[in-house]
Every structure is written in C-alpha cells, then in structure tokens.
Amino acid sequence: MVQDDIIDIIEIIPPGDETAFSEEDLDALREAKYRLEHPNLTARLSDMVGRPFESAIRRLPARWHETITIATETALLKGLEFSLKTMGQERPKRSRDLLHKALATGAGALGGAAGVVALSVELPISTCVMLRSIADIARAEGHDISAVDVKLACLEVFALGGDSTADDAAETGYWVVRGVLSKYVSDAAAHIAKRGLTDSSAPAVVRLIAQIAARFGVVVSEQAAATAVPVVGAVTGGAINYLFIDHFQNVAKGHFIIRRLEKKYDAAALQRAYEELIF
C-alpha cells in the first residue's frame, strides 16, 4: 500500500475519532472494493462466448423472460428455505471456494447439455450451491451463519452481484443497492424471527424475494443466453457456471469484509473511506 493513500483516507476521519482506520483494515477495505467492482459477469461471459452472446440475448423469446423470472424467484425461495434449515454455526475456517466451484461447474455441465429447457431444474440446484458457498465465506469472515440477519445477508449477495431492470432502481452501486434492500431485509428478518418460514407467501418475504430477483434475474438471463448459443455444449455450460459462482464468491467476500468492518467502525465513515479508496 502507498503511504500517501493511507494518509488521504485517514484524513477524512476527524482527528482523535475512534473510527480512525488501521492499515490492516484499509487493506481489507481496498480488497472488498476491488472484489465488488470486479469486471461484471456480462463482460466475462462475452469474452468467453464471443460475439454470439449479445445476439443470443436478443434472440431469447419473450416467454423465456417470464420463465426466468419465475425460476429465479423459486430458486431464491428454495435457497432461503435451505439456508434456514441447514446453515448452523461452526467455528470460522477458510472457505471451500474450489469445492463449491466444482459442484456448480458440474451442475452447469448437466444444464448446458440440456440447454435452457433445464433452467427450472438446474437453477435451484446452482443457487443452493452458491448460497452454501456464500455462507461459507461469511463464516470465514467471522459471522454467525446461524443468525437470521446473516442468512438474509447471504441471500442479499445475489442482488449485490446483479443489475436491475426496474426503472426506479437504475443505480446499482454497492451502497445504493444495500440501501434499497435494507427495509425489505429488516421486515423479512422480523417476520422470520417471529414466525419462521412456515408461510413463504408472507408479504415481507415475498417483497424481499422480488427485490432480489429483479437484480439476480438479469444475471440469470445472461447465463441462459450464453447457454443458448449453438456452439455452447456441456463443457462450456460448466465453464459458464464456473464464472457464475466465481462472480458471486467475489461479491460475497467483498460484502462480508465490509459487514465485518461495520462492527468495528462507524458506517458512514466506512462508506466515505470506501469511496475514496483507489485500487
């Protein structure tokens, strides 16, 4: 790290403020920003598939967008049920990123062989694998994955790693998306803490899933389009899923580094430091 960079960031905190950042934490924050602002999945898919990718997105029939929306919301709901039932607290340890990449790649290879028609089957499986990987990363950052708020923060990663098609949610920066989701996450957490997920159609849960699906669904559409390219077979389908999970692992690491630092520093000061950092 360049010493001048450290001085520049520390200067945004008033002298004597207990939220002055340590050099180690500034390094962690810089890593988080790099991971969250890593080249997006669209660019990486375009590099892999080439020119046919853009035309494949345009060729997806209108009915597929409806299919993808339904599949995405179902996958997220299944993922939430999965997380609430199976994610218990364990001692923090290094996340098993490669294991989860292998599982996601295998699911993608099977889905790629069948094409977009397999989306409704393959997507919930891939989503649960990715959610397990995201929880693994959260635990490695010291978070209690048995807590409802952490489980919802894991689900939140799917929104942070995608864009929105909603007219009133055109801004997709990390802090903006978290701000948009905060009320929905809070309401869902309160409902689940009180009643559990016995009624998945509860308004608070439905609203949260819809908000996340609006962003995650865009990424799923791109994945489906890449799979629909004629030259893409089972092998490339697996590679696409590898990029898919790698993208969300990066987002998860950035997200949970910041959540860890939020326990130590003032949130507003942390956001200002993030915005000033250069990587």
C-alpha atoms as a PDB file:
ATOM      1  CA  MET A   1       0.000   0.000   0.000  1.00  0.00           C
ATOM      2  CA  VAL A   2       1.224   3.513  -0.748  1.00  0.00           C
ATOM      3  CA  GLN A   3       1.629   5.567   2.436  1.00  0.00           C
ATOM      4  CA  ASP A   4       0.038   8.624   0.814  1.00  0.00           C
ATOM      5  CA  ASP A   5      -3.126   6.611   0.173  1.00  0.00           C
ATOM      6  CA  ILE A   6      -3.363   5.738   3.873  1.00  0.00           C
ATOM      7  CA  ILE A   7      -2.899   9.364   4.879  1.00  0.00           C
ATOM      8  CA  ASP A   8      -5.553  10.519   2.386  1.00  0.00           C
ATOM      9  CA  ILE A   9      -8.129   8.102   3.774  1.00  0.00           C
ATOM     10  CA  ILE A  10      -7.347   8.746   7.427  1.00  0.00           C
ATOM     11  CA  GLU A  11      -7.704  12.478   6.825  1.00  0.00           C
ATOM     12  CA  ILE A  12     -11.415  12.047   6.080  1.00  0.00           C
ATOM     13  CA  ILE A  13     -11.889  10.986   9.731  1.00  0.00           C
ATOM     14  CA  PRO A  14     -11.821  13.830  12.285  1.00  0.00           C
ATOM     15  CA  PRO A  15      -8.619  13.861  14.403  1.00  0.00           C
ATOM     16  CA  GLY A  16      -8.973  11.835  17.569  1.00  0.00           C
ATOM     17  CA  ASP A  17     -12.034   9.945  16.288  1.00  0.00           C
ATOM     18  CA  GLU A  18     -12.018   6.342  17.490  1.00  0.00           C
ATOM     19  CA  THR A  19     -13.037   5.221  13.983  1.00  0.00           C
ATOM     20  CA  ALA A  20      -9.613   6.046  12.503  1.00  0.00           C
ATOM     21  CA  PHE A  21      -8.751   3.057  10.314  1.00  0.00           C
ATOM     22  CA  SER A  22      -5.826   0.749  10.868  1.00  0.00           C
ATOM     23  CA  GLU A  23      -3.584  -0.020   7.933  1.00  0.00           C
ATOM     24  CA  GLU A  24      -4.718  -3.664   8.002  1.00  0.00           C
ATOM     25  CA  ASP A  25      -8.375  -2.678   7.830  1.00  0.00           C
ATOM     26  CA  LEU A  26      -7.740  -0.251   4.980  1.00  0.00           C
ATOM     27  CA  ASP A  27      -6.132  -3.114   3.069  1.00  0.00           C
ATOM     28  CA  ALA A  28      -9.206  -5.247   3.769  1.00  0.00           C
ATOM     29  CA  LEU A  29     -11.498  -2.436   2.628  1.00  0.00           C
ATOM     30  CA  ARG A  30      -9.479  -1.984  -0.559  1.00  0.00           C
ATOM     31  CA  GLU A  31      -9.786  -5.733  -1.240  1.00  0.00           C
ATOM     32  CA  ALA A  32     -13.552  -5.535  -0.664  1.00  0.00           C
ATOM     33  CA  LYS A  33     -13.898  -2.662  -3.108  1.00  0.00           C
ATOM     34  CA  TYR A  34     -11.855  -4.491  -5.741  1.00  0.00           C
ATOM     35  CA  ARG A  35     -13.985  -7.613  -5.409  1.00  0.00           C
ATOM     36  CA  LEU A  36     -17.267  -5.697  -5.506  1.00  0.00           C
ATOM     37  CA  GLU A  37     -16.219  -3.640  -8.514  1.00  0.00           C
ATOM     38  CA  HIS A  38     -14.548  -6.503 -10.373  1.00  0.00           C
ATOM     39  CA  PRO A  39     -15.396  -6.704 -14.094  1.00  0.00           C
ATOM     40  CA  ASN A  40     -19.045  -7.703 -14.275  1.00  0.00           C
ATOM     41  CA  LEU A  41     -20.334 -11.082 -15.369  1.00  0.00           C
ATOM     42  CA  THR A  42     -21.651  -9.763 -18.689  1.00  0.00           C
ATOM     43  CA  ALA A  43     -18.168  -8.749 -19.807  1.00  0.00           C
ATOM     44  CA  ARG A  44     -16.672 -12.059 -18.726  1.00  0.00           C
ATOM     45  CA  LEU A  45     -19.370 -14.088 -20.492  1.00  0.00           C
ATOM     46  CA  SER A  46     -18.856 -12.013 -23.649  1.00  0.00           C
ATOM     47  CA  ASP A  47     -15.137 -12.753 -23.530  1.00  0.00           C
ATOM     48  CA  MET A  48     -15.814 -16.473 -23.224  1.00  0.00           C
ATOM     49  CA  VAL A  49     -18.614 -16.930 -25.751  1.00  0.00           C
ATOM     50  CA  GLY A  50     -17.689 -14.123 -28.131  1.00  0.00           C
ATOM     51  CA  ARG A  51     -19.954 -12.194 -30.474  1.00  0.00           C
ATOM     52  CA  PRO A  52     -22.808 -14.746 -30.480  1.00  0.00           C
ATOM     53  CA  PHE A  53     -23.501 -13.865 -26.836  1.00  0.00           C
ATOM     54  CA  GLU A  54     -25.067 -10.461 -27.476  1.00  0.00           C
ATOM     55  CA  SER A  55     -27.239 -11.732 -30.297  1.00  0.00           C
ATOM     56  CA  ALA A  56     -28.297 -14.706 -28.141  1.00  0.00           C
ATOM     57  CA  ILE A  57     -29.650 -12.323 -25.502  1.00  0.00           C
ATOM     58  CA  ARG A  58     -31.712 -10.547 -28.152  1.00  0.00           C
ATOM     59  CA  ARG A  59     -32.982 -13.857 -29.551  1.00  0.00           C
ATOM     60  CA  LEU A  60     -34.375 -15.161 -26.260  1.00  0.00           C
ATOM     61  CA  PRO A  61     -38.157 -15.381 -26.800  1.00  0.00           C
ATOM     62  CA  ALA A  62     -40.397 -13.194 -24.642  1.00  0.00           C
ATOM     63  CA  ARG A  63     -41.814 -16.221 -22.859  1.00  0.00           C
ATOM     64  CA  TRP A  64     -38.336 -17.083 -21.610  1.00  0.00           C
ATOM     65  CA  HIS A  65     -38.113 -13.834 -19.687  1.00  0.00           C
ATOM     66  CA  GLU A  66     -41.263 -14.839 -17.826  1.00  0.00           C
ATOM     67  CA  THR A  67     -39.864 -18.339 -17.316  1.00  0.00           C
ATOM     68  CA  ILE A  68     -36.601 -16.904 -15.979  1.00  0.00           C
ATOM     69  CA  THR A  69     -38.460 -14.592 -13.584  1.00  0.00           C
ATOM     70  CA  ILE A  70     -40.470 -17.484 -12.149  1.00  0.00           C
ATOM     71  CA  ALA A  71     -37.415 -19.763 -11.992  1.00  0.00           C
ATOM     72  CA  THR A  72     -35.362 -17.062 -10.278  1.00  0.00           C
ATOM     73  CA  GLU A  73     -37.937 -16.326  -7.589  1.00  0.00           C
ATOM     74  CA  THR A  74     -38.454 -20.054  -6.974  1.00  0.00           C
ATOM     75  CA  ALA A  75     -34.695 -20.639  -6.738  1.00  0.00           C
ATOM     76  CA  LEU A  76     -34.254 -17.794  -4.252  1.00  0.00           C
ATOM     77  CA  LEU A  77     -37.133 -19.002  -2.100  1.00  0.00           C
ATOM     78  CA  LYS A  78     -35.741 -22.547  -2.111  1.00  0.00           C
ATOM     79  CA  GLY A  79     -32.347 -21.096  -1.260  1.00  0.00           C
ATOM     80  CA  LEU A  80     -33.822 -19.200   1.691  1.00  0.00           C
ATOM     81  CA  GLU A  81     -35.589 -22.330   2.963  1.00  0.00           C
ATOM     82  CA  PHE A  82     -32.347 -24.278   2.505  1.00  0.00           C
ATOM     83  CA  SER A  83     -30.326 -21.715   4.444  1.00  0.00           C
ATOM     84  CA  LEU A  84     -32.765 -21.522   7.343  1.00  0.00           C
ATOM     85  CA  LYS A  85     -32.864 -25.287   7.726  1.00  0.00           C
ATOM     86  CA  THR A  86     -29.256 -26.311   7.115  1.00  0.00           C
ATOM     87  CA  MET A  87     -26.873 -23.468   7.935  1.00  0.00           C
ATOM     88  CA  GLY A  88     -25.763 -23.929  11.524  1.00  0.00           C
ATOM     89  CA  GLN A  89     -22.924 -22.220  13.354  1.00  0.00           C
ATOM     90  CA  GLU A  90     -19.451 -23.727  13.060  1.00  0.00           C
ATOM     91  CA  ARG A  91     -16.062 -22.407  14.001  1.00  0.00           C
ATOM     92  CA  PRO A  92     -14.695 -19.948  11.418  1.00  0.00           C
ATOM     93  CA  LYS A  93     -12.395 -21.573   8.895  1.00  0.00           C
ATOM     94  CA  ARG A  94     -11.166 -20.956   5.408  1.00  0.00           C
ATOM     95  CA  SER A  95     -13.986 -21.065   2.879  1.00  0.00           C
ATOM     96  CA  ARG A  96     -14.053 -24.011   0.468  1.00  0.00           C
ATOM     97  CA  ASP A  97     -14.351 -21.989  -2.721  1.00  0.00           C
ATOM     98  CA  LEU A  98     -12.912 -24.642  -5.047  1.00  0.00           C
ATOM     99  CA  LEU A  99     -15.248 -27.362  -3.762  1.00  0.00           C
ATOM    100  CA  HIS A 100     -18.284 -25.195  -4.414  1.00  0.00           C
ATOM    101  CA  LYS A 101     -16.918 -24.172  -7.819  1.00  0.00           C
ATOM    102  CA  ALA A 102     -16.597 -27.861  -8.714  1.00  0.00           C
ATOM    103  CA  LEU A 103     -20.191 -28.560  -7.661  1.00  0.00           C
ATOM    104  CA  ALA A 104     -21.532 -25.556  -9.574  1.00  0.00           C
ATOM    105  CA  THR A 105     -19.487 -26.457 -12.642  1.00  0.00           C
ATOM    106  CA  GLY A 106     -20.883 -29.983 -12.597  1.00  0.00           C
ATOM    107  CA  ALA A 107     -24.447 -28.676 -12.383  1.00  0.00           C
ATOM    108  CA  GLY A 108     -23.707 -26.258 -15.223  1.00  0.00           C
ATOM    109  CA  ALA A 109     -22.305 -29.049 -17.393  1.00  0.00           C
ATOM    110  CA  LEU A 110     -25.510 -31.048 -16.991  1.00  0.00           C
ATOM    111  CA  GLY A 111     -27.639 -27.976 -17.600  1.00  0.00           C
ATOM    112  CA  GLY A 112     -25.545 -26.967 -20.613  1.00  0.00           C
ATOM    113  CA  ALA A 113     -26.071 -30.356 -22.196  1.00  0.00           C
ATOM    114  CA  ALA A 114     -29.852 -29.943 -21.912  1.00  0.00           C
ATOM    115  CA  GLY A 115     -29.893 -26.237 -22.838  1.00  0.00           C
ATOM    116  CA  VAL A 116     -32.176 -23.542 -21.459  1.00  0.00           C
ATOM    117  CA  VAL A 117     -35.043 -26.033 -21.032  1.00  0.00           C
ATOM    118  CA  ALA A 118     -33.193 -27.359 -17.955  1.00  0.00           C
ATOM    119  CA  LEU A 119     -33.115 -23.937 -16.294  1.00  0.00           C
ATOM    120  CA  SER A 120     -36.017 -24.567 -13.923  1.00  0.00           C
ATOM    121  CA  VAL A 121     -34.241 -27.672 -12.587  1.00  0.00           C
ATOM    122  CA  GLU A 122     -30.626 -26.547 -12.714  1.00  0.00           C
ATOM    123  CA  LEU A 123     -31.079 -23.020 -11.312  1.00  0.00           C
ATOM    124  CA  PRO A 124     -32.383 -24.005  -7.835  1.00  0.00           C
ATOM    125  CA  ILE A 125     -29.523 -26.506  -7.510  1.00  0.00           C
ATOM    126  CA  SER A 126     -26.898 -23.959  -8.562  1.00  0.00           C
ATOM    127  CA  THR A 127     -28.460 -21.296  -6.327  1.00  0.00           C
ATOM    128  CA  CYS A 128     -28.321 -23.555  -3.265  1.00  0.00           C
ATOM    129  CA  VAL A 129     -24.692 -24.468  -4.037  1.00  0.00           C
ATOM    130  CA  MET A 130     -23.806 -20.796  -4.402  1.00  0.00           C
ATOM    131  CA  LEU A 131     -25.699 -19.922  -1.225  1.00  0.00           C
ATOM    132  CA  ARG A 132     -23.775 -22.561   0.673  1.00  0.00           C
ATOM    133  CA  SER A 133     -20.545 -21.113  -0.715  1.00  0.00           C
ATOM    134  CA  ILE A 134     -21.617 -17.586   0.246  1.00  0.00           C
ATOM    135  CA  ALA A 135     -22.403 -18.767   3.795  1.00  0.00           C
ATOM    136  CA  ASP A 136     -19.016 -20.478   3.927  1.00  0.00           C
ATOM    137  CA  ILE A 137     -17.389 -17.152   3.039  1.00  0.00           C
ATOM    138  CA  ALA A 138     -19.472 -15.307   5.656  1.00  0.00           C
ATOM    139  CA  ARG A 139     -18.373 -17.787   8.308  1.00  0.00           C
ATOM    140  CA  ALA A 140     -14.728 -17.420   7.271  1.00  0.00           C
ATOM    141  CA  GLU A 141     -15.100 -13.672   7.865  1.00  0.00           C
ATOM    142  CA  GLY A 142     -16.245 -14.366  11.422  1.00  0.00           C
ATOM    143  CA  HIS A 143     -20.024 -14.057  11.016  1.00  0.00           C
ATOM    144  CA  ASP A 144     -22.519 -16.298  12.813  1.00  0.00           C
ATOM    145  CA  ILE A 145     -24.329 -18.039   9.969  1.00  0.00           C
ATOM    146  CA  SER A 146     -26.955 -19.400  12.339  1.00  0.00           C
ATOM    147  CA  ALA A 147     -28.279 -15.838  12.797  1.00  0.00           C
ATOM    148  CA  VAL A 148     -31.275 -14.868  10.632  1.00  0.00           C
ATOM    149  CA  ASP A 149     -29.780 -11.495   9.670  1.00  0.00           C
ATOM    150  CA  VAL A 150     -26.608 -13.185   8.391  1.00  0.00           C
ATOM    151  CA  LYS A 151     -28.631 -15.736   6.417  1.00  0.00           C
ATOM    152  CA  LEU A 152     -30.541 -12.894   4.780  1.00  0.00           C
ATOM    153  CA  ALA A 153     -27.246 -11.075   4.156  1.00  0.00           C
ATOM    154  CA  CYS A 154     -26.121 -14.214   2.291  1.00  0.00           C
ATOM    155  CA  LEU A 155     -29.257 -14.052   0.145  1.00  0.00           C
ATOM    156  CA  GLU A 156     -28.642 -10.320  -0.358  1.00  0.00           C
ATOM    157  CA  VAL A 157     -25.413 -11.150  -2.248  1.00  0.00           C
ATOM    158  CA  PHE A 158     -27.492 -12.250  -5.256  1.00  0.00           C
ATOM    159  CA  ALA A 159     -28.856  -8.711  -5.559  1.00  0.00           C
ATOM    160  CA  LEU A 160     -25.464  -7.090  -4.998  1.00  0.00           C
ATOM    161  CA  GLY A 161     -23.982  -9.114  -7.828  1.00  0.00           C
ATOM    162  CA  GLY A 162     -26.614  -8.256 -10.444  1.00  0.00           C
ATOM    163  CA  ASP A 163     -28.229  -5.287 -12.170  1.00  0.00           C
ATOM    164  CA  SER A 164     -31.869  -4.242 -12.016  1.00  0.00           C
ATOM    165  CA  THR A 165     -34.294  -3.726 -14.868  1.00  0.00           C
ATOM    166  CA  ALA A 166     -36.596  -1.643 -12.680  1.00  0.00           C
ATOM    167  CA  ASP A 167     -36.958   1.992 -13.745  1.00  0.00           C
ATOM    168  CA  ASP A 168     -36.760   3.222 -10.161  1.00  0.00           C
ATOM    169  CA  ALA A 169     -33.652   1.205  -9.361  1.00  0.00           C
ATOM    170  CA  ALA A 170     -31.303   2.221 -12.153  1.00  0.00           C
ATOM    171  CA  GLU A 171     -28.438   2.874  -9.760  1.00  0.00           C
ATOM    172  CA  THR A 172     -26.691  -0.356  -8.882  1.00  0.00           C
ATOM    173  CA  GLY A 173     -23.705   0.690  -6.771  1.00  0.00           C
ATOM    174  CA  TYR A 174     -22.989  -1.452  -3.714  1.00  0.00           C
ATOM    175  CA  TRP A 175     -24.141   1.076  -1.126  1.00  0.00           C
ATOM    176  CA  VAL A 176     -27.188   2.105  -3.168  1.00  0.00           C
ATOM    177  CA  VAL A 177     -28.441  -1.478  -3.506  1.00  0.00           C
ATOM    178  CA  ARG A 178     -27.903  -2.146   0.186  1.00  0.00           C
ATOM    179  CA  GLY A 179     -29.863   0.981   0.989  1.00  0.00           C
ATOM    180  CA  VAL A 180     -32.739  -0.110  -1.264  1.00  0.00           C
ATOM    181  CA  LEU A 181     -32.808  -3.580   0.288  1.00  0.00           C
ATOM    182  CA  SER A 182     -32.393  -2.561   3.934  1.00  0.00           C
ATOM    183  CA  LYS A 183     -36.097  -2.082   4.696  1.00  0.00           C
ATOM    184  CA  TYR A 184     -37.078  -5.314   2.921  1.00  0.00           C
ATOM    185  CA  VAL A 185     -34.351  -7.276   4.734  1.00  0.00           C
ATOM    186  CA  SER A 186     -35.392  -5.798   8.090  1.00  0.00           C
ATOM    187  CA  ASP A 187     -39.078  -6.630   7.568  1.00  0.00           C
ATOM    188  CA  ALA A 188     -38.306 -10.183   6.408  1.00  0.00           C
ATOM    189  CA  ALA A 189     -35.939 -10.760   9.333  1.00  0.00           C
ATOM    190  CA  ALA A 190     -38.590  -9.593  11.812  1.00  0.00           C
ATOM    191  CA  HIS A 191     -41.201 -11.896  10.241  1.00  0.00           C
ATOM    192  CA  ILE A 192     -38.898 -14.941  10.146  1.00  0.00           C
ATOM    193  CA  ALA A 193     -37.663 -14.363  13.713  1.00  0.00           C
ATOM    194  CA  LYS A 194     -41.272 -14.279  14.922  1.00  0.00           C
ATOM    195  CA  ARG A 195     -42.929 -16.935  12.767  1.00  0.00           C
ATOM    196  CA  GLY A 196     -40.190 -18.763  10.881  1.00  0.00           C
ATOM    197  CA  LEU A 197     -40.722 -19.566   7.209  1.00  0.00           C
ATOM    198  CA  THR A 198     -43.909 -21.555   7.697  1.00  0.00           C
ATOM    199  CA  ASP A 199     -45.647 -19.239   5.226  1.00  0.00           C
ATOM    200  CA  SER A 200     -43.372 -18.434   2.298  1.00  0.00           C
ATOM    201  CA  SER A 201     -46.102 -16.233   0.831  1.00  0.00           C
ATOM    202  CA  ALA A 202     -45.907 -13.777   3.732  1.00  0.00           C
ATOM    203  CA  PRO A 203     -45.770 -10.242   2.273  1.00  0.00           C
ATOM    204  CA  ALA A 204     -42.455  -9.366   3.958  1.00  0.00           C
ATOM    205  CA  VAL A 205     -40.735 -12.432   2.484  1.00  0.00           C
ATOM    206  CA  VAL A 206     -42.356 -12.034  -0.939  1.00  0.00           C
ATOM    207  CA  ARG A 207     -41.255  -8.397  -1.181  1.00  0.00           C
ATOM    208  CA  LEU A 208     -37.654  -9.250  -0.309  1.00  0.00           C
ATOM    209  CA  ILE A 209     -37.510 -12.127  -2.805  1.00  0.00           C
ATOM    210  CA  ALA A 210     -38.998  -9.903  -5.533  1.00  0.00           C
ATOM    211  CA  GLN A 211     -36.418  -7.173  -4.903  1.00  0.00           C
ATOM    212  CA  ILE A 212     -33.517  -9.611  -5.068  1.00  0.00           C
ATOM    213  CA  ALA A 213     -34.980 -11.453  -8.068  1.00  0.00           C
ATOM    214  CA  ALA A 214     -35.252  -8.169 -10.013  1.00  0.00           C
ATOM    215  CA  ARG A 215     -31.452  -7.951  -9.964  1.00  0.00           C
ATOM    216  CA  PHE A 216     -30.421 -11.604  -9.870  1.00  0.00           C
ATOM    217  CA  GLY A 217     -32.786 -12.391 -12.751  1.00  0.00           C
ATOM    218  CA  VAL A 218     -30.793 -10.137 -15.087  1.00  0.00           C
ATOM    219  CA  VAL A 219     -27.686 -12.227 -14.452  1.00  0.00           C
ATOM    220  CA  VAL A 220     -29.662 -15.458 -14.864  1.00  0.00           C
ATOM    221  CA  SER A 221     -30.949 -14.204 -18.233  1.00  0.00           C
ATOM    222  CA  GLU A 222     -27.372 -13.653 -19.364  1.00  0.00           C
ATOM    223  CA  GLN A 223     -26.413 -17.127 -18.203  1.00  0.00           C
ATOM    224  CA  ALA A 224     -29.371 -18.615 -20.100  1.00  0.00           C
ATOM    225  CA  ALA A 225     -28.459 -16.635 -23.219  1.00  0.00           C
ATOM    226  CA  ALA A 226     -24.881 -17.868 -23.108  1.00  0.00           C
ATOM    227  CA  THR A 227     -26.096 -21.450 -22.769  1.00  0.00           C
ATOM    228  CA  ALA A 228     -28.421 -20.912 -25.739  1.00  0.00           C
ATOM    229  CA  VAL A 229     -25.530 -20.098 -28.091  1.00  0.00           C
ATOM    230  CA  PRO A 230     -25.345 -23.046 -30.540  1.00  0.00           C
ATOM    231  CA  VAL A 231     -21.614 -23.650 -30.016  1.00  0.00           C
ATOM    232  CA  VAL A 232     -22.065 -23.923 -26.252  1.00  0.00           C
ATOM    233  CA  GLY A 233     -22.226 -27.536 -25.118  1.00  0.00           C
ATOM    234  CA  ALA A 234     -21.928 -29.299 -21.786  1.00  0.00           C
ATOM    235  CA  VAL A 235     -18.260 -28.376 -21.314  1.00  0.00           C
ATOM    236  CA  THR A 236     -18.837 -24.659 -21.945  1.00  0.00           C
ATOM    237  CA  GLY A 237     -22.016 -24.800 -19.870  1.00  0.00           C
ATOM    238  CA  GLY A 238     -19.866 -25.940 -16.964  1.00  0.00           C
ATOM    239  CA  ALA A 239     -17.393 -23.126 -17.624  1.00  0.00           C
ATOM    240  CA  ILE A 240     -20.227 -20.594 -17.618  1.00  0.00           C
ATOM    241  CA  ASN A 241     -21.363 -21.823 -14.222  1.00  0.00           C
ATOM    242  CA  TYR A 242     -17.760 -21.568 -13.031  1.00  0.00           C
ATOM    243  CA  LEU A 243     -17.773 -17.868 -13.967  1.00  0.00           C
ATOM    244  CA  PHE A 244     -21.220 -17.559 -12.393  1.00  0.00           C
ATOM    245  CA  ILE A 245     -20.175 -18.824  -8.967  1.00  0.00           C
ATOM    246  CA  ASP A 246     -16.771 -17.118  -9.124  1.00  0.00           C
ATOM    247  CA  HIS A 247     -18.580 -13.812  -9.667  1.00  0.00           C
ATOM    248  CA  PHE A 248     -20.816 -14.262  -6.635  1.00  0.00           C
ATOM    249  CA  GLN A 249     -17.956 -15.545  -4.472  1.00  0.00           C
ATOM    250  CA  ASN A 250     -16.119 -12.306  -5.193  1.00  0.00           C
ATOM    251  CA  VAL A 251     -19.191 -10.265  -4.308  1.00  0.00           C
ATOM    252  CA  ALA A 252     -19.718 -12.295  -1.117  1.00  0.00           C
ATOM    253  CA  LYS A 253     -16.134 -11.774   0.028  1.00  0.00           C
ATOM    254  CA  GLY A 254     -16.382  -8.038  -0.523  1.00  0.00           C
ATOM    255  CA  HIS A 255     -19.784  -7.857   1.176  1.00  0.00           C
ATOM    256  CA  PHE A 256     -18.807  -9.789   4.295  1.00  0.00           C
ATOM    257  CA  ILE A 257     -15.487  -7.983   4.682  1.00  0.00           C
ATOM    258  CA  ILE A 258     -17.485  -4.748   4.822  1.00  0.00           C
ATOM    259  CA  ARG A 259     -20.040  -6.206   7.233  1.00  0.00           C
ATOM    260  CA  ARG A 260     -17.148  -7.306   9.467  1.00  0.00           C
ATOM    261  CA  LEU A 261     -15.651  -3.817   9.392  1.00  0.00           C
ATOM    262  CA  GLU A 262     -19.071  -2.290  10.133  1.00  0.00           C
ATOM    263  CA  LYS A 263     -18.926  -3.983  13.541  1.00  0.00           C
ATOM    264  CA  LYS A 264     -15.741  -2.047  14.285  1.00  0.00           C
ATOM    265  CA  TYR A 265     -16.186   1.335  12.582  1.00  0.00           C
ATOM    266  CA  ASP A 266     -18.828   3.978  12.063  1.00  0.00           C
ATOM    267  CA  ALA A 267     -20.850   3.004   8.979  1.00  0.00           C
ATOM    268  CA  ALA A 268     -20.833   6.474   7.407  1.00  0.00           C
ATOM    269  CA  ALA A 269     -17.070   6.816   7.899  1.00  0.00           C
ATOM    270  CA  LEU A 270     -16.558   3.373   6.403  1.00  0.00           C
ATOM    271  CA  GLN A 271     -18.578   4.283   3.320  1.00  0.00           C
ATOM    272  CA  ARG A 272     -16.629   7.519   2.853  1.00  0.00           C
ATOM    273  CA  ALA A 273     -13.357   5.634   3.118  1.00  0.00           C
ATOM    274  CA  TYR A 274     -14.570   3.050   0.591  1.00  0.00           C
ATOM    275  CA  GLU A 275     -15.486   5.727  -1.910  1.00  0.00           C
ATOM    276  CA  GLU A 276     -12.099   7.443  -1.542  1.00  0.00           C
ATOM    277  CA  LEU A 277     -10.010   4.286  -1.886  1.00  0.00           C
ATOM    278  CA  ILE A 278      -8.180   3.544  -5.124  1.00  0.00           C
ATOM    279  CA  PHE A 279      -7.123   0.020  -6.055  1.00  0.00           C
END
